[in-house]
Amino acid sequence: MQRKLNMQRELLSKIGLAHPEIGLILGEISDPDTVLESLKKANPDEKVSKKNLEAIRQLKINKYQYNRLIKKAPYNWIAKIAGFQSI
């Protein structure tokens, strides 16, 4: 579970470092759809690059897998004890 959270933070930091104008805070987890909207608002004349779209796609997949994992037994017990919450 921690690996999935770290992967989420890493992908967000890559996008944040590549596009500082969208204002992502390093180490913070945010919604992939919000990040995509921020990218579109930051550069309305340009399309979002394939590299960024792939990173956002990975964010969505990772979020889905993590949320599904913490709802599944026996991981839900561990998540409850360790304090993991859904993204």
C-alpha atoms as a PDB file:
ATOM      1  CA  MET A   1       0.000   0.000   0.000  1.00  0.00           C
ATOM      2  CA  GLN A   2       2.829   2.349   0.829  1.00  0.00           C
ATOM      3  CA  ARG A   3       4.410   1.584  -2.537  1.00  0.00           C
ATOM      4  CA  LYS A   4       1.235   2.691  -4.329  1.00  0.00           C
ATOM      5  CA  LEU A   5       1.153   5.946  -2.331  1.00  0.00           C
ATOM      6  CA  ASN A   6       4.818   6.593  -3.113  1.00  0.00           C
ATOM      7  CA  MET A   7       4.188   5.941  -6.809  1.00  0.00           C
ATOM      8  CA  GLN A   8       1.303   8.420  -6.754  1.00  0.00           C
ATOM      9  CA  ARG A   9       3.496  11.088  -5.151  1.00  0.00           C
ATOM     10  CA  GLU A  10       6.337  10.386  -7.595  1.00  0.00           C
ATOM     11  CA  LEU A  11       4.132  10.756 -10.661  1.00  0.00           C
ATOM     12  CA  LEU A  12       2.623  13.966  -9.320  1.00  0.00           C
ATOM     13  CA  SER A  13       6.056  15.381  -8.553  1.00  0.00           C
ATOM     14  CA  LYS A  14       7.230  14.615 -12.116  1.00  0.00           C
ATOM     15  CA  ILE A  15       4.275  16.535 -13.527  1.00  0.00           C
ATOM     16  CA  GLY A  16       4.749  19.324 -10.991  1.00  0.00           C
ATOM     17  CA  LEU A  17       8.433  19.744 -11.797  1.00  0.00           C
ATOM     18  CA  ALA A  18       7.772  19.729 -15.541  1.00  0.00           C
ATOM     19  CA  HIS A  19       4.983  22.325 -15.166  1.00  0.00           C
ATOM     20  CA  PRO A  20       5.533  24.576 -12.141  1.00  0.00           C
ATOM     21  CA  GLU A  21       2.808  26.930 -13.368  1.00  0.00           C
ATOM     22  CA  ILE A  22       0.026  24.544 -12.309  1.00  0.00           C
ATOM     23  CA  GLY A  23       1.013  24.880  -8.650  1.00  0.00           C
ATOM     24  CA  LEU A  24       1.319  21.289  -7.482  1.00  0.00           C
ATOM     25  CA  ILE A  25       2.804  20.984  -4.017  1.00  0.00           C
ATOM     26  CA  LEU A  26       5.495  18.318  -3.869  1.00  0.00           C
ATOM     27  CA  GLY A  27       4.580  15.406  -1.629  1.00  0.00           C
ATOM     28  CA  GLU A  28       0.872  16.189  -1.772  1.00  0.00           C
ATOM     29  CA  ILE A  29      -1.559  13.817  -3.430  1.00  0.00           C
ATOM     30  CA  SER A  30      -4.209  15.385  -5.641  1.00  0.00           C
ATOM     31  CA  ASP A  31      -6.880  14.164  -8.010  1.00  0.00           C
ATOM     32  CA  PRO A  32      -5.684  13.268 -11.549  1.00  0.00           C
ATOM     33  CA  ASP A  33      -8.680  14.999 -13.129  1.00  0.00           C
ATOM     34  CA  THR A  34      -7.846  18.201 -11.265  1.00  0.00           C
ATOM     35  CA  VAL A  35      -4.248  17.995 -12.484  1.00  0.00           C
ATOM     36  CA  LEU A  36      -5.431  17.550 -16.077  1.00  0.00           C
ATOM     37  CA  GLU A  37      -7.745  20.562 -15.797  1.00  0.00           C
ATOM     38  CA  SER A  38      -4.888  22.630 -14.356  1.00  0.00           C
ATOM     39  CA  LEU A  39      -2.661  21.652 -17.271  1.00  0.00           C
ATOM     40  CA  LYS A  40      -5.357  22.654 -19.744  1.00  0.00           C
ATOM     41  CA  LYS A  41      -5.937  26.003 -18.001  1.00  0.00           C
ATOM     42  CA  ALA A  42      -2.208  26.776 -17.781  1.00  0.00           C
ATOM     43  CA  ASN A  43      -1.713  26.401 -21.544  1.00  0.00           C
ATOM     44  CA  PRO A  44      -5.102  26.842 -23.254  1.00  0.00           C
ATOM     45  CA  ASP A  45      -3.582  27.267 -26.711  1.00  0.00           C
ATOM     46  CA  GLU A  46      -1.489  24.095 -26.578  1.00  0.00           C
ATOM     47  CA  LYS A  47      -2.575  20.485 -26.332  1.00  0.00           C
ATOM     48  CA  VAL A  48      -1.457  18.419 -23.357  1.00  0.00           C
ATOM     49  CA  SER A  49       1.557  16.348 -24.394  1.00  0.00           C
ATOM     50  CA  LYS A  50       1.413  12.584 -24.703  1.00  0.00           C
ATOM     51  CA  LYS A  51       3.984  12.257 -21.940  1.00  0.00           C
ATOM     52  CA  ASN A  52       1.765  14.178 -19.515  1.00  0.00           C
ATOM     53  CA  LEU A  53      -1.344  12.307 -20.609  1.00  0.00           C
ATOM     54  CA  GLU A  54       0.442   9.005 -19.987  1.00  0.00           C
ATOM     55  CA  ALA A  55       1.484  10.169 -16.505  1.00  0.00           C
ATOM     56  CA  ILE A  56      -2.094  11.198 -15.711  1.00  0.00           C
ATOM     57  CA  ARG A  57      -3.343   7.861 -17.013  1.00  0.00           C
ATOM     58  CA  GLN A  58      -0.866   6.124 -14.696  1.00  0.00           C
ATOM     59  CA  LEU A  59      -2.145   8.286 -11.812  1.00  0.00           C
ATOM     60  CA  LYS A  60      -5.715   7.189 -12.483  1.00  0.00           C
ATOM     61  CA  ILE A  61      -4.787   3.515 -12.732  1.00  0.00           C
ATOM     62  CA  ASN A  62      -2.691   3.656  -9.578  1.00  0.00           C
ATOM     63  CA  LYS A  63      -5.487   5.437  -7.686  1.00  0.00           C
ATOM     64  CA  TYR A  64      -8.026   2.825  -8.765  1.00  0.00           C
ATOM     65  CA  GLN A  65      -5.757  -0.095  -7.819  1.00  0.00           C
ATOM     66  CA  TYR A  66      -4.914   1.414  -4.424  1.00  0.00           C
ATOM     67  CA  ASN A  67      -8.527   2.145  -3.533  1.00  0.00           C
ATOM     68  CA  ARG A  68      -9.560  -1.350  -4.610  1.00  0.00           C
ATOM     69  CA  LEU A  69      -6.723  -2.892  -2.585  1.00  0.00           C
ATOM     70  CA  ILE A  70      -7.604  -1.206   0.703  1.00  0.00           C
ATOM     71  CA  LYS A  71     -11.215  -2.382   0.405  1.00  0.00           C
ATOM     72  CA  LYS A  72     -10.211  -6.016  -0.072  1.00  0.00           C
ATOM     73  CA  ALA A  73      -9.698  -8.414   2.839  1.00  0.00           C
ATOM     74  CA  PRO A  74      -7.186  -8.868   4.547  1.00  0.00           C
ATOM     75  CA  TYR A  75      -5.728  -5.554   3.359  1.00  0.00           C
ATOM     76  CA  ASN A  76      -8.703  -3.639   4.704  1.00  0.00           C
ATOM     77  CA  TRP A  77      -7.756  -4.690   8.253  1.00  0.00           C
ATOM     78  CA  ILE A  78      -4.172  -3.602   7.751  1.00  0.00           C
ATOM     79  CA  ALA A  79      -5.287  -0.333   6.172  1.00  0.00           C
ATOM     80  CA  LYS A  80      -7.584   0.366   9.109  1.00  0.00           C
ATOM     81  CA  ILE A  81      -4.909  -0.415  11.711  1.00  0.00           C
ATOM     82  CA  ALA A  82      -2.152   1.495   9.889  1.00  0.00           C
ATOM     83  CA  GLY A  83      -4.388   4.464   9.065  1.00  0.00           C
ATOM     84  CA  PHE A  84      -4.344   4.203   5.271  1.00  0.00           C
ATOM     85  CA  GLN A  85      -7.268   6.022   3.646  1.00  0.00           C
ATOM     86  CA  SER A  86      -8.535   6.106   0.109  1.00  0.00           C
ATOM     87  CA  ILE A  87      -7.024   8.565  -2.331  1.00  0.00           C
END
